[in-house]
C-alpha atoms as a PDB file:
ATOM      1  CA  MET A   1    -115.867 -63.505 -36.377  1.00  0.00           C
ATOM      2  CA  THR A   2    -112.802 -63.138 -38.564  1.00  0.00           C
ATOM      3  CA  VAL A   3    -110.615 -62.568 -35.529  1.00  0.00           C
ATOM      4  CA  LEU A   4    -111.848 -65.765 -33.933  1.00  0.00           C
ATOM      5  CA  LEU A   5    -111.152 -67.757 -37.102  1.00  0.00           C
ATOM      6  CA  LEU A   6    -107.607 -66.388 -37.304  1.00  0.00           C
ATOM      7  CA  ALA A   7    -106.992 -67.133 -33.639  1.00  0.00           C
ATOM      8  CA  GLY A   8    -108.261 -70.699 -34.039  1.00  0.00           C
ATOM      9  CA  LEU A   9    -106.095 -71.217 -37.120  1.00  0.00           C
ATOM     10  CA  ALA A  10    -103.038 -69.955 -35.205  1.00  0.00           C
ATOM     11  CA  LEU A  11    -103.775 -72.350 -32.341  1.00  0.00           C
ATOM     12  CA  VAL A  12    -104.046 -75.293 -34.735  1.00  0.00           C
ATOM     13  CA  ILE A  13    -100.765 -74.426 -36.458  1.00  0.00           C
ATOM     14  CA  GLY A  14     -99.031 -73.978 -33.088  1.00  0.00           C
ATOM     15  CA  ALA A  15    -100.329 -77.362 -31.889  1.00  0.00           C
ATOM     16  CA  ILE A  16     -99.047 -79.068 -35.048  1.00  0.00           C
ATOM     17  CA  VAL A  17     -95.610 -77.465 -34.665  1.00  0.00           C
ATOM     18  CA  LEU A  18     -95.399 -78.496 -30.999  1.00  0.00           C
ATOM     19  CA  ALA A  19     -96.407 -82.056 -31.878  1.00  0.00           C
ATOM     20  CA  LEU A  20     -93.740 -82.270 -34.578  1.00  0.00           C
ATOM     21  CA  ILE A  21     -91.105 -80.966 -32.164  1.00  0.00           C
ATOM     22  CA  ALA A  22     -92.160 -83.377 -29.413  1.00  0.00           C
ATOM     23  CA  LEU A  23     -92.299 -86.432 -31.683  1.00  0.00           C
ATOM     24  CA  ARG A  24     -89.075 -85.807 -33.618  1.00  0.00           C
ATOM     25  CA  PRO A  25     -86.362 -88.475 -33.141  1.00  0.00           C
ATOM     26  CA  LEU A  26     -83.640 -87.759 -30.617  1.00  0.00           C
ATOM     27  CA  GLN A  27     -80.369 -86.555 -32.134  1.00  0.00           C
ATOM     28  CA  SER A  28     -76.954 -87.586 -30.963  1.00  0.00           C
ATOM     29  CA  PRO A  29     -74.876 -84.835 -29.327  1.00  0.00           C
ATOM     30  CA  VAL A  30     -71.961 -85.884 -31.549  1.00  0.00           C
ATOM     31  CA  PRO A  31     -71.771 -83.635 -34.643  1.00  0.00           C
ATOM     32  CA  LEU A  32     -72.736 -85.184 -37.930  1.00  0.00           C
ATOM     33  CA  ASP A  33     -69.283 -84.725 -39.462  1.00  0.00           C
ATOM     34  CA  ARG A  34     -67.771 -86.778 -36.616  1.00  0.00           C
ATOM     35  CA  ARG A  35     -70.290 -89.622 -36.970  1.00  0.00           C
ATOM     36  CA  ARG A  36     -69.429 -90.190 -40.622  1.00  0.00           C
ATOM     37  CA  PRO A  37     -66.078 -91.453 -41.866  1.00  0.00           C
ATOM     38  CA  PRO A  38     -64.032 -88.786 -43.605  1.00  0.00           C
ATOM     39  CA  VAL A  39     -64.358 -88.888 -47.362  1.00  0.00           C
ATOM     40  CA  ASP A  40     -61.894 -87.132 -49.639  1.00  0.00           C
ATOM     41  CA  GLN A  41     -63.720 -84.662 -51.820  1.00  0.00           C
ATOM     42  CA  PRO A  42     -62.626 -84.848 -55.452  1.00  0.00           C
ATOM     43  CA  ASP A  43     -60.998 -81.748 -56.845  1.00  0.00           C
ATOM     44  CA  SER A  44     -63.066 -79.674 -59.214  1.00  0.00           C
ATOM     45  CA  GLN A  45     -62.131 -79.041 -62.820  1.00  0.00           C
ATOM     46  CA  LEU A  46     -61.114 -75.483 -61.941  1.00  0.00           C
ATOM     47  CA  SER A  47     -58.815 -76.676 -59.143  1.00  0.00           C
ATOM     48  CA  ARG A  48     -57.135 -79.229 -61.398  1.00  0.00           C
ATOM     49  CA  PHE A  49     -56.728 -76.630 -64.149  1.00  0.00           C
ATOM     50  CA  ALA A  50     -55.197 -74.092 -61.737  1.00  0.00           C
ATOM     51  CA  GLY A  51     -52.863 -76.748 -60.321  1.00  0.00           C
ATOM     52  CA  ALA A  52     -51.701 -77.747 -63.815  1.00  0.00           C
ATOM     53  CA  ILE A  53     -50.965 -74.127 -64.722  1.00  0.00           C
ATOM     54  CA  GLY A  54     -49.081 -73.625 -61.440  1.00  0.00           C
ATOM     55  CA  ARG A  55     -46.948 -76.717 -62.037  1.00  0.00           C
ATOM     56  CA  ALA A  56     -46.213 -75.630 -65.611  1.00  0.00           C
ATOM     57  CA  MET A  57     -45.153 -72.170 -64.394  1.00  0.00           C
ATOM     58  CA  ASP A  58     -42.988 -73.752 -61.697  1.00  0.00           C
ATOM     59  CA  ARG A  59     -41.211 -75.948 -64.262  1.00  0.00           C
ATOM     60  CA  TYR A  60     -40.640 -72.912 -66.481  1.00  0.00           C
ATOM     61  CA  LEU A  61     -39.105 -70.943 -63.604  1.00  0.00           C
ATOM     62  CA  GLN A  62     -36.856 -73.875 -62.741  1.00  0.00           C
ATOM     63  CA  ARG A  63     -35.516 -73.891 -66.304  1.00  0.00           C
ATOM     64  CA  ARG A  64     -35.236 -70.090 -66.497  1.00  0.00           C
ATOM     65  CA  PRO A  65     -34.822 -68.583 -63.023  1.00  0.00           C
ATOM     66  CA  MET A  66     -35.932 -64.957 -62.627  1.00  0.00           C
ATOM     67  CA  ARG A  67     -34.739 -62.495 -60.026  1.00  0.00           C
ATOM     68  CA  PHE A  68     -37.986 -60.509 -60.011  1.00  0.00           C
ATOM     69  CA  LEU A  69     -39.924 -61.499 -56.869  1.00  0.00           C
ATOM     70  CA  ASN A  70     -37.790 -64.588 -56.338  1.00  0.00           C
ATOM     71  CA  GLN A  71     -38.368 -66.989 -53.473  1.00  0.00           C
ATOM     72  CA  GLN A  72     -35.858 -65.291 -51.176  1.00  0.00           C
ATOM     73  CA  VAL A  73     -37.630 -61.942 -51.559  1.00  0.00           C
ATOM     74  CA  LEU A  74     -41.007 -63.558 -50.885  1.00  0.00           C
ATOM     75  CA  GLU A  75     -39.673 -65.310 -47.778  1.00  0.00           C
ATOM     76  CA  THR A  76     -38.262 -62.021 -46.481  1.00  0.00           C
ATOM     77  CA  ALA A  77     -41.660 -60.408 -46.993  1.00  0.00           C
ATOM     78  CA  GLY A  78     -43.398 -63.274 -45.178  1.00  0.00           C
ATOM     79  CA  VAL A  79     -45.398 -64.308 -48.268  1.00  0.00           C
ATOM     80  CA  LYS A  80     -46.376 -67.962 -48.055  1.00  0.00           C
ATOM     81  CA  LEU A  81     -46.864 -68.338 -51.810  1.00  0.00           C
ATOM     82  CA  SER A  82     -44.347 -69.715 -54.281  1.00  0.00           C
ATOM     83  CA  GLN A  83     -42.830 -67.623 -57.035  1.00  0.00           C
ATOM     84  CA  ALA A  84     -44.944 -69.382 -59.652  1.00  0.00           C
ATOM     85  CA  GLU A  85     -48.158 -68.651 -57.739  1.00  0.00           C
ATOM     86  CA  VAL A  86     -47.207 -64.986 -57.357  1.00  0.00           C
ATOM     87  CA  TYR A  87     -46.493 -64.723 -61.089  1.00  0.00           C
ATOM     88  CA  LEU A  88     -49.867 -66.264 -61.894  1.00  0.00           C
ATOM     89  CA  LEU A  89     -51.601 -63.764 -59.594  1.00  0.00           C
ATOM     90  CA  VAL A  90     -49.751 -60.882 -61.263  1.00  0.00           C
ATOM     91  CA  ILE A  91     -50.742 -62.105 -64.730  1.00  0.00           C
ATOM     92  CA  LEU A  92     -54.358 -62.592 -63.651  1.00  0.00           C
ATOM     93  CA  ALA A  93     -54.493 -59.115 -62.081  1.00  0.00           C
ATOM     94  CA  GLY A  94     -52.974 -57.571 -65.216  1.00  0.00           C
ATOM     95  CA  VAL A  95     -55.447 -59.262 -67.555  1.00  0.00           C
ATOM     96  CA  THR A  96     -58.349 -58.266 -65.291  1.00  0.00           C
ATOM     97  CA  GLY A  97     -57.156 -54.649 -65.230  1.00  0.00           C
ATOM     98  CA  LEU A  98     -56.760 -54.704 -69.019  1.00  0.00           C
ATOM     99  CA  LEU A  99     -60.311 -55.922 -69.596  1.00  0.00           C
ATOM    100  CA  LEU A 100     -61.902 -53.578 -67.029  1.00  0.00           C
ATOM    101  CA  GLY A 101     -59.932 -50.537 -68.157  1.00  0.00           C
ATOM    102  CA  TRP A 102     -60.610 -51.266 -71.829  1.00  0.00           C
ATOM    103  CA  ALA A 103     -64.341 -51.757 -71.291  1.00  0.00           C
ATOM    104  CA  LEU A 104     -65.064 -49.039 -68.708  1.00  0.00           C
ATOM    105  CA  LEU A 105     -62.574 -46.226 -69.409  1.00  0.00           C
ATOM    106  CA  ALA A 106     -60.334 -46.347 -72.468  1.00  0.00           C
ATOM    107  CA  PRO A 107     -58.032 -48.846 -74.211  1.00  0.00           C
ATOM    108  CA  VAL A 108     -54.937 -46.954 -73.098  1.00  0.00           C
ATOM    109  CA  ILE A 109     -56.075 -47.211 -69.465  1.00  0.00           C
ATOM    110  CA  GLY A 110     -56.443 -50.978 -69.827  1.00  0.00           C
ATOM    111  CA  VAL A 111     -52.959 -51.312 -71.296  1.00  0.00           C
ATOM    112  CA  LEU A 112     -51.591 -49.063 -68.548  1.00  0.00           C
ATOM    113  CA  LEU A 113     -53.194 -51.232 -65.848  1.00  0.00           C
ATOM    114  CA  LEU A 114     -51.723 -54.326 -67.502  1.00  0.00           C
ATOM    115  CA  LEU A 115     -48.247 -52.805 -67.469  1.00  0.00           C
ATOM    116  CA  LEU A 116     -48.604 -51.539 -63.908  1.00  0.00           C
ATOM    117  CA  SER A 117     -49.558 -54.929 -62.407  1.00  0.00           C
ATOM    118  CA  PRO A 118     -45.905 -56.062 -61.885  1.00  0.00           C
ATOM    119  CA  ALA A 119     -45.059 -52.679 -60.359  1.00  0.00           C
ATOM    120  CA  ALA A 120     -48.050 -52.963 -58.026  1.00  0.00           C
ATOM    121  CA  ALA A 121     -46.953 -56.478 -56.992  1.00  0.00           C
ATOM    122  CA  HIS A 122     -43.443 -55.175 -56.314  1.00  0.00           C
ATOM    123  CA  LEU A 123     -44.851 -52.338 -54.188  1.00  0.00           C
ATOM    124  CA  VAL A 124     -47.007 -54.756 -52.181  1.00  0.00           C
ATOM    125  CA  VAL A 125     -44.064 -57.085 -51.539  1.00  0.00           C
ATOM    126  CA  SER A 126     -41.852 -54.106 -50.607  1.00  0.00           C
ATOM    127  CA  PHE A 127     -44.509 -52.880 -48.166  1.00  0.00           C
ATOM    128  CA  LEU A 128     -44.789 -56.325 -46.558  1.00  0.00           C
ATOM    129  CA  THR A 129     -40.997 -56.586 -46.355  1.00  0.00           C
ATOM    130  CA  GLY A 130     -40.667 -53.181 -44.681  1.00  0.00           C
ATOM    131  CA  ARG A 131     -43.433 -53.936 -42.209  1.00  0.00           C
ATOM    132  CA  ARG A 132     -41.882 -57.292 -41.323  1.00  0.00           C
ATOM    133  CA  ARG A 133     -38.463 -55.702 -40.797  1.00  0.00           C
ATOM    134  CA  ARG A 134     -39.924 -52.974 -38.594  1.00  0.00           C
ATOM    135  CA  ARG A 135     -41.695 -55.560 -36.458  1.00  0.00           C
ATOM    136  CA  PHE A 136     -38.463 -57.540 -36.139  1.00  0.00           C
ATOM    137  CA  ASP A 137     -36.652 -54.392 -35.036  1.00  0.00           C
ATOM    138  CA  ALA A 138     -39.374 -53.532 -32.506  1.00  0.00           C
ATOM    139  CA  GLN A 139     -39.197 -57.053 -31.018  1.00  0.00           C
ATOM    140  CA  LEU A 140     -35.409 -57.048 -30.715  1.00  0.00           C
ATOM    141  CA  GLY A 141     -35.396 -55.869 -27.088  1.00  0.00           C
ATOM    142  CA  ASP A 142     -37.730 -58.672 -26.027  1.00  0.00           C
ATOM    143  CA  THR A 143     -35.624 -61.127 -28.038  1.00  0.00           C
ATOM    144  CA  LEU A 144     -32.520 -60.118 -26.103  1.00  0.00           C
ATOM    145  CA  GLN A 145     -34.343 -60.602 -22.811  1.00  0.00           C
ATOM    146  CA  LEU A 146     -35.362 -64.097 -23.899  1.00  0.00           C
ATOM    147  CA  LEU A 147     -31.777 -64.913 -24.879  1.00  0.00           C
ATOM    148  CA  THR A 148     -30.266 -63.607 -21.624  1.00  0.00           C
ATOM    149  CA  GLY A 149     -32.927 -65.408 -19.603  1.00  0.00           C
ATOM    150  CA  GLY A 150     -32.103 -68.694 -21.341  1.00  0.00           C
ATOM    151  CA  LEU A 151     -28.369 -68.173 -20.831  1.00  0.00           C
ATOM    152  CA  ARG A 152     -28.797 -67.422 -17.119  1.00  0.00           C
ATOM    153  CA  ALA A 153     -30.909 -70.563 -16.821  1.00  0.00           C
ATOM    154  CA  GLY A 154     -27.862 -72.577 -17.920  1.00  0.00           C
ATOM    155  CA  HIS A 155     -28.719 -73.194 -21.577  1.00  0.00           C
ATOM    156  CA  SER A 156     -26.308 -72.879 -24.459  1.00  0.00           C
ATOM    157  CA  ILE A 157     -26.682 -70.041 -26.914  1.00  0.00           C
ATOM    158  CA  LEU A 158     -28.243 -72.314 -29.528  1.00  0.00           C
ATOM    159  CA  ARG A 159     -30.716 -73.687 -26.982  1.00  0.00           C
ATOM    160  CA  ALA A 160     -31.530 -70.116 -25.898  1.00  0.00           C
ATOM    161  CA  ILE A 161     -32.207 -69.194 -29.542  1.00  0.00           C
ATOM    162  CA  ASP A 162     -34.458 -72.245 -29.831  1.00  0.00           C
ATOM    163  CA  ALA A 163     -36.378 -71.124 -26.731  1.00  0.00           C
ATOM    164  CA  ALA A 164     -36.701 -67.625 -28.189  1.00  0.00           C
ATOM    165  CA  ALA A 165     -38.083 -69.145 -31.388  1.00  0.00           C
ATOM    166  CA  THR A 166     -40.750 -70.894 -29.328  1.00  0.00           C
ATOM    167  CA  GLU A 167     -41.750 -67.958 -27.124  1.00  0.00           C
ATOM    168  CA  ALA A 168     -41.275 -64.925 -29.388  1.00  0.00           C
ATOM    169  CA  ASP A 169     -43.825 -63.488 -31.769  1.00  0.00           C
ATOM    170  CA  SER A 170     -43.642 -63.427 -35.542  1.00  0.00           C
ATOM    171  CA  PRO A 171     -41.402 -62.574 -37.388  1.00  0.00           C
ATOM    172  CA  THR A 172     -38.752 -63.073 -34.687  1.00  0.00           C
ATOM    173  CA  SER A 173     -39.919 -66.630 -34.034  1.00  0.00           C
ATOM    174  CA  GLU A 174     -39.638 -67.493 -37.733  1.00  0.00           C
ATOM    175  CA  GLU A 175     -36.148 -66.051 -38.048  1.00  0.00           C
ATOM    176  CA  MET A 176     -34.914 -67.734 -34.857  1.00  0.00           C
ATOM    177  CA  ARG A 177     -36.366 -71.029 -36.013  1.00  0.00           C
ATOM    178  CA  ARG A 178     -34.564 -70.608 -39.312  1.00  0.00           C
ATOM    179  CA  ILE A 179     -31.258 -70.002 -37.505  1.00  0.00           C
ATOM    180  CA  VAL A 180     -31.731 -73.184 -35.471  1.00  0.00           C
ATOM    181  CA  ALA A 181     -32.568 -75.181 -38.602  1.00  0.00           C
ATOM    182  CA  GLU A 182     -29.555 -73.862 -40.526  1.00  0.00           C
ATOM    183  CA  THR A 183     -27.114 -74.572 -37.695  1.00  0.00           C
ATOM    184  CA  SER A 184     -28.597 -78.046 -37.293  1.00  0.00           C
ATOM    185  CA  LEU A 185     -27.770 -78.690 -40.958  1.00  0.00           C
ATOM    186  CA  GLY A 186     -24.132 -77.715 -40.399  1.00  0.00           C
ATOM    187  CA  LYS A 187     -24.044 -73.976 -41.091  1.00  0.00           C
ATOM    188  CA  ASP A 188     -21.894 -71.834 -38.830  1.00  0.00           C
ATOM    189  CA  LEU A 189     -23.836 -69.942 -36.172  1.00  0.00           C
ATOM    190  CA  LEU A 190     -22.173 -66.603 -36.937  1.00  0.00           C
ATOM    191  CA  ALA A 191     -22.882 -66.954 -40.663  1.00  0.00           C
ATOM    192  CA  SER A 192     -26.527 -67.760 -39.960  1.00  0.00           C
ATOM    193  CA  LEU A 193     -26.874 -64.788 -37.604  1.00  0.00           C
ATOM    194  CA  MET A 194     -25.230 -62.425 -40.095  1.00  0.00           C
ATOM    195  CA  ASP A 195     -27.489 -63.699 -42.877  1.00  0.00           C
ATOM    196  CA  THR A 196     -30.469 -62.911 -40.685  1.00  0.00           C
ATOM    197  CA  SER A 197     -29.192 -59.387 -39.997  1.00  0.00           C
ATOM    198  CA  GLU A 198     -28.682 -58.789 -43.725  1.00  0.00           C
ATOM    199  CA  ARG A 199     -32.071 -60.233 -44.604  1.00  0.00           C
ATOM    200  CA  MET A 200     -33.790 -58.052 -42.011  1.00  0.00           C
ATOM    201  CA  GLN A 201     -31.398 -55.112 -42.706  1.00  0.00           C
ATOM    202  CA  ASN A 202     -30.868 -54.701 -38.981  1.00  0.00           C
ATOM    203  CA  GLU A 203     -27.538 -53.377 -37.709  1.00  0.00           C
ATOM    204  CA  ASP A 204     -28.498 -54.016 -34.092  1.00  0.00           C
ATOM    205  CA  PHE A 205     -28.869 -57.728 -34.745  1.00  0.00           C
ATOM    206  CA  ALA A 206     -25.448 -57.681 -36.420  1.00  0.00           C
ATOM    207  CA  TRP A 207     -24.064 -56.311 -33.138  1.00  0.00           C
ATOM    208  CA  ILE A 208     -25.679 -59.212 -31.307  1.00  0.00           C
ATOM    209  CA  ALA A 209     -24.120 -61.687 -33.737  1.00  0.00           C
ATOM    210  CA  GLN A 210     -20.672 -60.132 -33.307  1.00  0.00           C
ATOM    211  CA  ALA A 211     -21.018 -60.127 -29.525  1.00  0.00           C
ATOM    212  CA  ILE A 212     -21.914 -63.824 -29.565  1.00  0.00           C
ATOM    213  CA  GLN A 213     -18.973 -64.649 -31.827  1.00  0.00           C
ATOM    214  CA  ILE A 214     -16.490 -62.669 -29.712  1.00  0.00           C
ATOM    215  CA  ASN A 215     -17.762 -64.390 -26.580  1.00  0.00           C
ATOM    216  CA  ARG A 216     -17.341 -67.793 -28.227  1.00  0.00           C
ATOM    217  CA  GLU A 217     -13.714 -66.929 -29.041  1.00  0.00           C
ATOM    218  CA  VAL A 218     -12.548 -65.232 -25.810  1.00  0.00           C
ATOM    219  CA  GLY A 219     -15.102 -66.488 -23.264  1.00  0.00           C
ATOM    220  CA  GLY A 220     -16.855 -64.538 -20.529  1.00  0.00           C
ATOM    221  CA  ASP A 221     -20.393 -63.982 -19.338  1.00  0.00           C
ATOM    222  CA  LEU A 222     -22.447 -63.739 -22.511  1.00  0.00           C
ATOM    223  CA  ALA A 223     -25.603 -62.804 -20.618  1.00  0.00           C
ATOM    224  CA  ASP A 224     -23.978 -59.631 -19.238  1.00  0.00           C
ATOM    225  CA  VAL A 225     -22.608 -58.757 -22.676  1.00  0.00           C
ATOM    226  CA  LEU A 226     -26.057 -59.115 -24.229  1.00  0.00           C
ATOM    227  CA  ASP A 227     -27.506 -56.991 -21.435  1.00  0.00           C
ATOM    228  CA  GLN A 228     -25.105 -54.189 -22.340  1.00  0.00           C
ATOM    229  CA  VAL A 229     -25.909 -54.568 -26.024  1.00  0.00           C
ATOM    230  CA  GLY A 230     -29.615 -54.523 -25.218  1.00  0.00           C
ATOM    231  CA  HIS A 231     -29.215 -51.312 -23.214  1.00  0.00           C
ATOM    232  CA  THR A 232     -27.484 -49.673 -26.182  1.00  0.00           C
ATOM    233  CA  ILE A 233     -30.161 -50.936 -28.581  1.00  0.00           C
ATOM    234  CA  ARG A 234     -32.970 -49.588 -26.395  1.00  0.00           C
ATOM    235  CA  GLU A 235     -31.320 -46.155 -26.328  1.00  0.00           C
ATOM    236  CA  ARG A 236     -30.983 -46.219 -30.116  1.00  0.00           C
ATOM    237  CA  THR A 237     -34.627 -47.224 -30.429  1.00  0.00           C
ATOM    238  CA  GLU A 238     -35.646 -44.252 -28.260  1.00  0.00           C
ATOM    239  CA  ILE A 239     -33.650 -41.890 -30.479  1.00  0.00           C
ATOM    240  CA  LYS A 240     -35.249 -43.436 -33.566  1.00  0.00           C
ATOM    241  CA  GLY A 241     -38.687 -42.757 -32.104  1.00  0.00           C
ATOM    242  CA  HIS A 242     -37.836 -39.096 -31.556  1.00  0.00           C
ATOM    243  CA  ILE A 243     -36.568 -38.745 -35.126  1.00  0.00           C
ATOM    244  CA  ARG A 244     -39.673 -40.418 -36.580  1.00  0.00           C
ATOM    245  CA  ALA A 245     -41.886 -38.074 -34.551  1.00  0.00           C
ATOM    246  CA  LEU A 246     -40.015 -35.030 -35.863  1.00  0.00           C
ATOM    247  CA  ALA A 247     -40.185 -36.292 -39.454  1.00  0.00           C
ATOM    248  CA  ALA A 248     -43.881 -37.197 -39.291  1.00  0.00           C
ATOM    249  CA  GLU A 249     -45.034 -33.721 -40.389  1.00  0.00           C
ATOM    250  CA  GLY A 250     -42.852 -33.825 -43.508  1.00  0.00           C
ATOM    251  CA  LYS A 251     -44.111 -37.294 -44.412  1.00  0.00           C
ATOM    252  CA  PHE A 252     -47.732 -36.215 -43.997  1.00  0.00           C
ATOM    253  CA  SER A 253     -47.129 -33.190 -46.244  1.00  0.00           C
ATOM    254  CA  ALA A 254     -45.536 -35.453 -48.853  1.00  0.00           C
ATOM    255  CA  TYR A 255     -48.532 -37.798 -48.801  1.00  0.00           C
ATOM    256  CA  ILE A 256     -50.927 -34.863 -49.276  1.00  0.00           C
ATOM    257  CA  LEU A 257     -48.920 -33.467 -52.206  1.00  0.00           C
ATOM    258  CA  ALA A 258     -48.803 -36.898 -53.865  1.00  0.00           C
ATOM    259  CA  ALA A 259     -52.554 -37.444 -53.477  1.00  0.00           C
ATOM    260  CA  LEU A 260     -53.578 -33.918 -54.473  1.00  0.00           C
ATOM    261  CA  PRO A 261     -53.607 -34.419 -58.302  1.00  0.00           C
ATOM    262  CA  PHE A 262     -55.692 -37.586 -58.014  1.00  0.00           C
ATOM    263  CA  GLY A 263     -58.112 -35.885 -55.635  1.00  0.00           C
ATOM    264  CA  ILE A 264     -58.568 -32.909 -57.963  1.00  0.00           C
ATOM    265  CA  ALA A 265     -59.133 -35.215 -60.949  1.00  0.00           C
ATOM    266  CA  LEU A 266     -61.739 -37.195 -58.992  1.00  0.00           C
ATOM    267  CA  MET A 267     -63.493 -34.003 -57.877  1.00  0.00           C
ATOM    268  CA  LEU A 268     -63.633 -32.667 -61.456  1.00  0.00           C
ATOM    269  CA  THR A 269     -65.011 -35.978 -62.669  1.00  0.00           C
ATOM    270  CA  VAL A 270     -67.799 -35.877 -60.091  1.00  0.00           C
ATOM    271  CA  VAL A 271     -68.624 -32.164 -60.442  1.00  0.00           C
ATOM    272  CA  SER A 272     -68.349 -31.940 -64.223  1.00  0.00           C
ATOM    273  CA  PRO A 273     -68.621 -35.345 -65.949  1.00  0.00           C
ATOM    274  CA  GLY A 274     -66.785 -35.387 -69.244  1.00  0.00           C
ATOM    275  CA  TYR A 275     -64.424 -32.557 -68.353  1.00  0.00           C
ATOM    276  CA  VAL A 276     -61.343 -34.802 -68.100  1.00  0.00           C
ATOM    277  CA  ASP A 277     -62.332 -37.172 -70.926  1.00  0.00           C
ATOM    278  CA  PRO A 278     -59.978 -35.516 -73.474  1.00  0.00           C
ATOM    279  CA  LEU A 279     -57.049 -36.615 -71.308  1.00  0.00           C
ATOM    280  CA  PHE A 280     -57.953 -40.236 -72.038  1.00  0.00           C
ATOM    281  CA  THR A 281     -59.274 -39.936 -75.590  1.00  0.00           C
ATOM    282  CA  LYS A 282     -56.952 -37.404 -77.309  1.00  0.00           C
ATOM    283  CA  PRO A 283     -53.270 -37.987 -78.206  1.00  0.00           C
ATOM    284  CA  LEU A 284     -52.371 -34.670 -76.574  1.00  0.00           C
ATOM    285  CA  GLY A 285     -54.096 -35.832 -73.394  1.00  0.00           C
ATOM    286  CA  TRP A 286     -52.047 -39.033 -73.402  1.00  0.00           C
ATOM    287  CA  VAL A 287     -48.863 -36.982 -73.730  1.00  0.00           C
ATOM    288  CA  MET A 288     -49.973 -34.767 -70.853  1.00  0.00           C
ATOM    289  CA  LEU A 289     -50.717 -37.816 -68.698  1.00  0.00           C
ATOM    290  CA  GLY A 290     -47.295 -39.256 -69.489  1.00  0.00           C
ATOM    291  CA  GLY A 291     -45.578 -35.985 -68.631  1.00  0.00           C
ATOM    292  CA  ALA A 292     -47.572 -35.727 -65.408  1.00  0.00           C
ATOM    293  CA  ALA A 293     -46.605 -39.289 -64.465  1.00  0.00           C
ATOM    294  CA  VAL A 294     -42.917 -38.528 -65.074  1.00  0.00           C
ATOM    295  CA  MET A 295     -43.016 -35.305 -63.060  1.00  0.00           C
ATOM    296  CA  MET A 296     -44.944 -36.939 -60.212  1.00  0.00           C
ATOM    297  CA  THR A 297     -42.395 -39.761 -60.116  1.00  0.00           C
ATOM    298  CA  ILE A 298     -39.516 -37.289 -59.911  1.00  0.00           C
ATOM    299  CA  GLY A 299     -41.319 -35.263 -57.240  1.00  0.00           C
ATOM    300  CA  GLY A 300     -42.160 -38.376 -55.246  1.00  0.00           C
ATOM    301  CA  LEU A 301     -38.539 -39.554 -55.294  1.00  0.00           C
ATOM    302  CA  TRP A 302     -37.396 -36.068 -54.313  1.00  0.00           C
ATOM    303  CA  LEU A 303     -39.809 -35.904 -51.379  1.00  0.00           C
ATOM    304  CA  ARG A 304     -38.831 -39.401 -50.309  1.00  0.00           C
ATOM    305  CA  LYS A 305     -35.170 -38.379 -50.284  1.00  0.00           C
ATOM    306  CA  ILE A 306     -36.010 -35.365 -48.134  1.00  0.00           C
ATOM    307  CA  ILE A 307     -38.047 -37.197 -45.507  1.00  0.00           C
ATOM    308  CA  ASP A 308     -36.006 -40.437 -45.456  1.00  0.00           C
ATOM    309  CA  LEU A 309     -33.603 -39.698 -42.624  1.00  0.00           C
ATOM    310  CA  LYS A 310     -30.613 -41.984 -42.057  1.00  0.00           C
ATOM    311  CA  PHE A 311     -29.626 -42.599 -38.467  1.00  0.00           C
END
């Protein structure tokens, strides 16, 4: 009897749902946000407060320019934020680290995290800069092919650079677009190309700039010259790959040695809670941590010098 009642109740509910679906008004296929006129949403109090702080920081930096993480460095790294916004993020990260370290670990850890926030920002920007430069170097062969193709099609060198800016990937497209913009504003082409090579720290691109300048002075087939330069650059890139492969084992060993103290400290903390607490609560422990940080810094720089091969 109970089963029949439940089945009847399910049939009634299903019939009601079907009736509601069948009798609902027809909806337009046009999305709702396209059927209503756009309305500007007012900024929240938090957005206005953050904007006011950003503008105040920007005015302060205009009065007192700082070289640390300036706009040129951020542009080289591909960071789309202004210097004032980066400074605000660094300050916010430092204050957050101070509060978390003070509350969860020890006051000295909070102060250390506050002091390390600018160093961490510098490391992040340096990593982004190195990655962007490596990508620019890896795309240089394709960039040369785009330039020679544009020259053989009858375009001028500036028009070929403009075409490369349109067809190439980032960061090559951004740098080529910057060269076109600078030359359009009256800057010499050679100076713009050399600035790009210095900004990307790329000797191969400096060769390209010199080849273009020599061709502009003495004439000749620039496409053939760039083909020869591209052949030389590809051979250098192959040699670089071999050297990186041979140095990979040393780099991996350096990474393991650098991470070993932190791994041991984490293991001791998990296996025996409280074992490493004197390092953070006793003055002698603070001295030991400072000495360890100094020795690890020296060792890290030493290992970096060993595995950083110049070619």
